[in-house]
Every structure is written in structure tokens, then in C-alpha cells.
Amino acid sequence: MTTPLRRTRSSRIAAAVVLGVLAASCSGDNDTTATADEAATTTDAASPDRPTTTAVDSVADAGAAVPSAGCGTGGHPALTAEKVTMEVADEERYYLLTVPEGTDEAPAPVVFDFHGLMEGAELAAKASRLPELGVEEGFITVVPNGRGNPVSWDVTPDPATNPDMAFVAEVLDTLEAEQCVDTSRVYATGLSNGAMMTSGVACAFPDRVAAVAPVAGVMASCEDTDRPVPMLGFHGTADPILFFNGGVGDLGGLIAGTADASKVPEADLEGAGYPAAVAEWAVRNGCEDSFTDEQVEDDVTRRTYECP
């Protein structure tokens, strides 16, 4: 396994977007909160509460693990999709926790996997298979469950006013106290509405999250923070749900199986929507405003922003 990027205040930052037409690169749920313009409005209006941990301030070597308080206490058995419940903002919440073998010996990285609209934690865990990969590769996987009917995420990056962000903070606190976690290697990913939640988490917790990888739902950049958060963003140009250049498809038709895929607008790689959202993240992270595109497959383009 390649040594992953760790979180430090002086990290060299890179932002990239993969623009693909493969079905796997498209959003897989019916997300009505998904236009880039709406995301930008929501994010720019927020005033994130940014909790910090002493572990971040003590990092001297980007290659060194930063063990959490739960390390050295023993008794960290392997778990597979263990349902963990907690009360947050007077509401019962839960997440699925998978812990690989060997976390007593060394602090483990953590990967959050945020589900899409109407999906829920159980379906997301089966679809992404991240818990299985975590067992193989030695990282802890957390698959949180959202709120409401249909189940979804409030992506506003303010833990003080947003119960979903408060939930993430509580899960992080619990993991660091009860598991042996490398606090410099906490990551987040998610699909569609979960991708927007991933972007929001990067805004809300820049000192607790090392990097993020939203799939089909990169939100426009948030307010400046003390630390840039590296991002690898994915979006399919033929996505029929969240259009590549902004807008939402025929949600009702998609649910009923009657949607006309030919109505997906032609994608503009230099246009508005998700290309513009990623460009905003690059600026926020201190990257150059220019980029390079590489055709890595016939239907996959990798766009990279170089950073100091």
C-alpha cells in the first residue's frame, strides 16, 4: 500500500479532477441539492466552526503517525460493519464501523464514506466496498447514516448549527478516544449528496481531515481556512442526475426508469458547474490558476492544478 498523504499545516497541496463518462463516475442517487451554484451560495454564507486537535500542532514530520488517545489502551478488536449509535443534538444517530486486525500495534488511518441521497449507510457500505478494502489495507472505515426521509445530508459546514456536521465531530472524538487512530491520516469520500457532504467536511474540519475525494458532487469552495485541504474530485460528463456543468436531471424519470438519457447536456470541460467548483478549490488551496489535462483513458481526463 502506498504511503498516503498526511495532514500537516505545511503540506504541499494538489487539487485534481477526473472528468469521465464512465457510469462509475456518475452520481448514483437522486440529489436535488446538487447544482454548483446552489452549493456555492450555501457554502459561502457559512461561518464554519473549526475544531482543532493538539495532535495537529505537534506534527513535526509528515511521515510520522500521530496516535490518538485511544492508542496504548489495548482492547481494540477487529469489527465488521458494527452499528454504533450515539445521541447528537437530542437525536439518535448511527454509523457502521469496520476496524481491521492489528490496530493495537500501530495507529490506523480512518476513511469516512458518506452515502448519497436516499441511499443510507448499509447500501453505501455494500456499494463502495470500502469496509472490505479497509480490512485488506489496514484502515478503519466509518460509514455514517444521514437524517430525514429520504435520508440525506445537510452540507452546510457549521457544526454549531448543522446537526450532521456536529455528528461527524462527535464520531471523530469517539474514534480518537476509543480506537487507535492516526489523527494525521483521516480522510473523507462520498457519492453525490455524500460528495457534497465530503466537501463540507473539508470546510468544517480542515485541521482534522487530511484530504478528501468527492465523487459526483464537488461543492464550490468554502471560506479561507488556516490549512488547505487536498482534493481529488471525480465527475462524469454524462451524469444524468447532476449535470456536469450544473443543474439537475429528470429525478422522477430516473426513479421510474423512464428518463431520457439523450437530454443530458453536452459537457464543457472549461465551463460552469463542477469544473468551476474544482477551480475554486484550487485557488483556495493556493494552487496556480492554470492546469494540465492528461488523457489517461479514452474516456477519462485527469486535470491537475500545480501547487507550491
Protein backbone atom coordinates (compact mmCIF):
# COMPACT_ATOMS: atom_id res chain seq x y z
CA MET A 1 0.00 0.00 0.00
CA THR A 2 1.39 3.40 -0.96
CA THR A 3 2.09 5.68 1.99
CA PRO A 4 -0.86 8.08 2.00
CA LEU A 5 -0.80 11.83 2.31
CA ARG A 6 -0.77 13.01 5.91
CA ARG A 7 -2.27 16.15 7.33
CA THR A 8 0.18 18.90 8.27
CA ARG A 9 -0.14 22.67 8.23
CA SER A 10 2.71 22.94 5.71
CA SER A 11 1.62 20.22 3.30
CA ARG A 12 2.23 20.76 -0.36
CA ILE A 13 -1.25 20.79 -1.82
CA ALA A 14 -2.51 19.44 -5.13
CA ALA A 15 -6.05 19.59 -6.47
CA ALA A 16 -7.23 17.45 -9.35
CA VAL A 17 -10.43 16.48 -11.09
CA VAL A 18 -11.10 13.38 -13.15
CA LEU A 19 -13.65 14.07 -15.86
CA GLY A 20 -15.05 10.76 -17.07
CA VAL A 21 -18.05 9.44 -18.97
CA LEU A 22 -17.94 6.02 -17.35
CA ALA A 23 -21.08 5.08 -15.42
CA ALA A 24 -18.96 4.52 -12.33
CA SER A 25 -18.01 8.19 -12.44
CA CYS A 26 -21.62 9.37 -12.43
CA SER A 27 -23.70 10.12 -9.36
CA GLY A 28 -25.81 7.17 -8.25
CA ASP A 29 -28.66 8.84 -6.41
CA ASN A 30 -31.31 11.48 -6.86
CA ASP A 31 -29.79 14.56 -5.32
CA THR A 32 -31.91 17.69 -5.52
CA THR A 33 -29.33 19.86 -3.72
CA ALA A 34 -26.72 19.40 -6.35
CA THR A 35 -26.25 22.42 -8.56
CA ALA A 36 -22.85 24.02 -8.24
CA ASP A 37 -24.38 27.49 -7.93
CA GLU A 38 -26.58 26.38 -5.04
CA ALA A 39 -23.62 24.74 -3.35
CA ALA A 40 -21.56 27.90 -3.70
CA THR A 41 -24.32 30.01 -2.19
CA THR A 42 -24.71 27.68 0.77
CA THR A 43 -21.00 27.36 1.40
CA ASP A 44 -20.02 30.99 1.02
CA ALA A 45 -22.70 32.06 3.51
CA ALA A 46 -21.46 29.72 6.21
CA SER A 47 -19.10 30.52 9.05
CA PRO A 48 -17.54 27.14 9.88
CA ASP A 49 -16.62 26.30 13.45
CA ARG A 50 -13.25 24.68 13.06
CA PRO A 51 -12.27 22.43 15.95
CA THR A 52 -8.62 21.61 16.24
CA THR A 53 -6.68 18.88 17.97
CA THR A 54 -3.36 19.14 19.75
CA ALA A 55 -2.13 16.31 17.56
CA VAL A 56 -2.05 18.59 14.53
CA ASP A 57 0.09 21.18 16.25
CA SER A 58 2.57 18.56 17.40
CA VAL A 59 3.28 17.15 13.94
CA ALA A 60 6.94 17.72 13.09
CA ASP A 61 7.47 15.03 10.47
CA ALA A 62 4.89 14.50 7.73
CA GLY A 63 5.86 10.82 7.72
CA ALA A 64 5.23 10.24 11.42
CA ALA A 65 1.98 8.82 12.75
CA VAL A 66 0.10 10.92 15.30
CA PRO A 67 -1.54 8.43 17.70
CA SER A 68 -4.88 9.26 19.27
CA ALA A 69 -5.73 8.99 22.96
CA GLY A 70 -7.12 5.50 22.34
CA CYS A 71 -3.71 4.10 21.43
CA GLY A 72 -1.87 2.10 24.04
CA THR A 73 -5.03 1.19 25.93
CA GLY A 74 -5.40 -2.23 24.28
CA GLY A 75 -8.66 -4.00 23.63
CA HIS A 76 -9.25 -2.91 20.03
CA PRO A 77 -10.86 -5.99 18.45
CA ALA A 78 -11.48 -6.24 14.74
CA LEU A 79 -15.02 -5.17 13.81
CA THR A 80 -17.03 -5.62 10.62
CA ALA A 81 -19.82 -3.13 9.89
CA GLU A 82 -20.54 -2.76 13.60
CA LYS A 83 -23.54 -0.46 14.12
CA VAL A 84 -22.56 2.23 16.62
CA THR A 85 -25.27 4.53 17.97
CA MET A 86 -24.93 7.86 19.73
CA GLU A 87 -27.11 10.82 20.63
CA VAL A 88 -26.31 14.10 18.89
CA ALA A 89 -28.47 17.23 19.22
CA ASP A 90 -31.18 15.20 21.01
CA GLU A 91 -31.39 12.74 18.12
CA GLU A 92 -30.18 9.15 17.89
CA ARG A 93 -27.60 8.74 15.14
CA TYR A 94 -25.55 5.77 13.99
CA TYR A 95 -22.62 4.77 11.83
CA LEU A 96 -21.14 1.49 10.62
CA LEU A 97 -17.63 0.88 11.94
CA THR A 98 -15.14 -1.56 10.44
CA VAL A 99 -11.81 -1.99 12.23
CA PRO A 100 -9.08 -4.22 10.75
CA GLU A 101 -6.79 -6.50 12.71
CA GLY A 102 -3.64 -5.02 14.19
CA THR A 103 -4.73 -1.57 15.32
CA ASP A 104 -3.33 -2.29 18.79
CA GLU A 105 0.15 -2.42 17.26
CA ALA A 106 0.05 0.76 15.18
CA PRO A 107 -2.30 3.74 14.73
CA ALA A 108 -4.62 3.20 11.79
CA PRO A 109 -5.81 5.68 9.16
CA VAL A 110 -9.55 6.44 9.01
CA VAL A 111 -11.75 6.78 5.92
CA PHE A 112 -15.25 8.26 6.14
CA ASP A 113 -17.65 7.15 3.39
CA PHE A 114 -20.73 9.40 3.05
CA HIS A 115 -23.74 7.92 1.28
CA GLY A 116 -25.82 9.61 -1.40
CA LEU A 117 -29.41 10.83 -1.22
CA MET A 118 -31.89 8.05 -0.39
CA GLU A 119 -29.02 5.56 -0.07
CA GLY A 120 -28.24 5.13 3.63
CA ALA A 121 -25.20 3.67 5.34
CA GLU A 122 -25.91 -0.01 4.73
CA LEU A 123 -26.34 0.35 0.97
CA ALA A 124 -23.35 2.68 0.71
CA ALA A 125 -21.10 0.19 2.51
CA LYS A 126 -22.12 -2.59 0.12
CA ALA A 127 -21.83 -0.41 -2.98
CA SER A 128 -18.45 1.18 -2.27
CA ARG A 129 -16.90 -1.90 -0.64
CA LEU A 130 -14.62 0.43 1.27
CA PRO A 131 -15.05 -1.55 4.52
CA GLU A 132 -13.73 -4.66 2.74
CA LEU A 133 -10.83 -2.70 1.30
CA GLY A 134 -10.08 -1.28 4.74
CA VAL A 135 -9.76 -4.77 6.18
CA GLU A 136 -7.32 -5.68 3.39
CA GLU A 137 -5.28 -2.48 3.56
CA GLY A 138 -5.38 -1.76 7.28
CA PHE A 139 -7.54 1.36 7.62
CA ILE A 140 -10.62 1.98 9.76
CA THR A 141 -13.80 2.63 7.78
CA VAL A 142 -16.68 4.77 9.04
CA VAL A 143 -19.95 4.82 7.08
CA PRO A 144 -22.26 7.35 8.78
CA ASN A 145 -26.02 7.47 8.25
CA GLY A 146 -27.73 10.77 7.44
CA ARG A 147 -31.08 12.16 8.58
CA GLY A 148 -34.57 12.68 7.27
CA ASN A 149 -36.89 10.96 4.80
CA PRO A 150 -35.43 10.44 2.28
CA VAL A 151 -32.17 10.09 4.15
CA SER A 152 -29.71 12.82 3.18
CA TRP A 153 -27.03 15.21 4.40
CA ASP A 154 -27.12 18.88 5.34
CA VAL A 155 -23.86 20.00 3.79
CA THR A 156 -23.60 23.42 5.48
CA PRO A 157 -20.11 23.39 7.05
CA ASP A 158 -21.01 24.70 10.51
CA PRO A 159 -21.01 22.18 13.38
CA ALA A 160 -22.57 24.80 15.68
CA THR A 161 -25.79 24.94 13.66
CA ASN A 162 -25.74 21.81 11.50
CA PRO A 163 -26.54 18.53 13.33
CA ASP A 164 -24.87 16.49 10.58
CA MET A 165 -21.54 18.27 10.98
CA ALA A 166 -21.91 18.02 14.77
CA PHE A 167 -22.43 14.27 14.26
CA VAL A 168 -19.19 13.99 12.29
CA ALA A 169 -17.31 15.86 15.02
CA GLU A 170 -18.74 13.53 17.67
CA VAL A 171 -17.79 10.45 15.66
CA LEU A 172 -14.24 11.77 15.28
CA ASP A 173 -13.99 12.45 19.01
CA THR A 174 -15.29 8.96 19.83
CA LEU A 175 -12.94 7.24 17.40
CA GLU A 176 -9.90 9.08 18.74
CA ALA A 177 -10.85 8.20 22.32
CA GLU A 178 -11.82 4.56 21.80
CA GLN A 179 -9.71 3.37 18.84
CA CYS A 180 -6.03 3.62 17.98
CA VAL A 181 -6.23 6.22 15.21
CA ASP A 182 -3.53 8.08 13.32
CA THR A 183 -5.06 11.55 13.61
CA SER A 184 -2.88 12.83 10.75
CA ARG A 185 -4.49 10.38 8.33
CA VAL A 186 -8.24 10.97 8.46
CA TYR A 187 -9.88 11.08 5.03
CA ALA A 188 -13.37 11.51 3.59
CA THR A 189 -15.14 10.45 0.42
CA GLY A 190 -18.73 10.17 -0.70
CA LEU A 191 -21.11 9.98 -3.64
CA SER A 192 -23.36 12.79 -4.93
CA ASN A 193 -25.06 14.28 -1.84
CA GLY A 194 -22.33 12.41 0.05
CA ALA A 195 -19.72 14.10 -2.14
CA MET A 196 -21.15 17.46 -1.14
CA MET A 197 -21.02 16.36 2.47
CA THR A 198 -17.39 15.41 1.89
CA SER A 199 -16.68 18.91 0.57
CA GLY A 200 -18.48 20.40 3.57
CA VAL A 201 -16.43 18.28 5.97
CA ALA A 202 -13.25 19.65 4.37
CA CYS A 203 -14.54 23.17 5.05
CA ALA A 204 -15.71 22.45 8.60
CA PHE A 205 -12.72 20.40 9.79
CA PRO A 206 -9.61 21.44 7.84
CA ASP A 207 -7.40 20.71 10.85
CA ARG A 208 -8.83 17.22 11.35
CA VAL A 209 -9.13 15.90 7.80
CA ALA A 210 -6.02 15.17 5.73
CA ALA A 211 -7.63 15.08 2.28
CA VAL A 212 -10.97 14.43 0.56
CA ALA A 213 -12.17 12.65 -2.60
CA PRO A 214 -15.75 13.62 -3.51
CA VAL A 215 -17.39 11.63 -6.33
CA ALA A 216 -20.04 13.39 -8.46
CA GLY A 217 -20.75 16.39 -6.28
CA VAL A 218 -17.79 18.69 -5.62
CA MET A 219 -19.15 21.79 -3.89
CA ALA A 220 -17.74 25.19 -4.69
CA SER A 221 -15.00 26.31 -2.34
CA CYS A 222 -15.64 27.49 1.19
CA GLU A 223 -14.19 30.36 3.17
CA ASP A 224 -10.45 30.51 3.62
CA THR A 225 -9.10 28.34 6.42
CA ASP A 226 -5.73 28.10 8.13
CA ARG A 227 -4.91 24.92 6.25
CA PRO A 228 -5.62 23.94 2.62
CA VAL A 229 -7.30 20.55 2.22
CA PRO A 230 -6.10 18.48 -0.75
CA MET A 231 -8.90 17.24 -3.00
CA LEU A 232 -9.25 14.59 -5.69
CA GLY A 233 -12.62 15.17 -7.36
CA PHE A 234 -14.47 12.94 -9.81
CA HIS A 235 -17.45 13.68 -12.05
CA GLY A 236 -18.87 12.01 -15.16
CA THR A 237 -19.58 14.22 -18.15
CA ALA A 238 -22.59 12.03 -18.99
CA ASP A 239 -24.06 12.12 -15.49
CA PRO A 240 -27.87 12.20 -15.96
CA ILE A 241 -28.58 13.23 -12.37
CA LEU A 242 -26.12 16.00 -11.55
CA PHE A 243 -25.22 17.61 -14.85
CA PHE A 244 -21.52 18.21 -15.34
CA ASN A 245 -21.93 21.93 -15.93
CA GLY A 246 -24.62 22.44 -13.27
CA GLY A 247 -28.28 21.59 -12.94
CA VAL A 248 -30.27 18.51 -12.02
CA GLY A 249 -31.72 15.88 -14.36
CA ASP A 250 -35.14 14.22 -14.52
CA LEU A 251 -35.22 12.82 -10.99
CA GLY A 252 -38.74 11.44 -11.22
CA GLY A 253 -37.98 9.78 -14.53
CA LEU A 254 -34.79 8.28 -13.20
CA ILE A 255 -36.67 6.73 -10.28
CA ALA A 256 -39.35 5.37 -12.61
CA GLY A 257 -36.84 4.21 -15.20
CA THR A 258 -38.29 6.46 -17.91
CA ALA A 259 -35.66 9.21 -18.05
CA ASP A 260 -34.34 10.20 -21.47
CA ALA A 261 -30.55 9.99 -21.25
CA SER A 262 -30.27 11.87 -24.55
CA LYS A 263 -31.32 15.04 -22.72
CA VAL A 264 -28.05 15.20 -20.79
CA PRO A 265 -26.40 18.46 -21.92
CA GLU A 266 -23.12 18.27 -23.79
CA ALA A 267 -20.30 18.78 -21.32
CA ASP A 268 -17.91 21.73 -21.46
CA LEU A 269 -14.66 20.94 -19.66
CA GLU A 270 -13.95 24.66 -19.32
CA GLY A 271 -17.49 25.63 -18.32
CA ALA A 272 -19.52 26.30 -15.21
CA GLY A 273 -20.68 23.75 -12.66
CA TYR A 274 -18.20 21.18 -11.44
CA PRO A 275 -15.11 22.31 -13.42
CA ALA A 276 -15.60 25.79 -11.96
CA ALA A 277 -16.13 24.36 -8.46
CA VAL A 278 -12.84 22.46 -8.59
CA ALA A 279 -11.08 25.57 -9.92
CA GLU A 280 -12.31 27.45 -6.84
CA TRP A 281 -10.85 24.75 -4.60
CA ALA A 282 -7.52 25.07 -6.41
CA VAL A 283 -7.47 28.81 -5.74
CA ARG A 284 -8.43 28.23 -2.09
CA ASN A 285 -5.59 25.74 -1.74
CA GLY A 286 -3.05 28.21 -3.09
CA CYS A 287 -2.59 26.45 -6.43
CA GLU A 288 -1.85 28.05 -9.76
CA ASP A 289 -4.96 29.08 -11.68
CA SER A 290 -3.74 27.16 -14.73
CA PHE A 291 -3.99 23.39 -15.07
CA THR A 292 -2.84 20.48 -17.21
CA ASP A 293 -5.12 17.84 -18.71
CA GLU A 294 -3.95 14.29 -19.33
CA GLN A 295 -5.94 11.69 -21.29
CA VAL A 296 -5.37 8.65 -19.07
CA GLU A 297 -8.02 6.54 -20.86
CA ASP A 298 -10.14 7.06 -23.97
CA ASP A 299 -12.97 8.34 -21.79
CA VAL A 300 -11.09 9.66 -18.75
CA THR A 301 -9.31 13.01 -18.48
CA ARG A 302 -7.20 13.89 -15.46
CA ARG A 303 -6.95 17.61 -14.71
CA THR A 304 -4.21 18.69 -12.31
CA TYR A 305 -3.57 22.04 -10.66
CA GLU A 306 0.02 22.54 -9.57
CA CYS A 307 0.60 23.96 -6.11
CA PRO A 308 3.63 25.47 -4.37
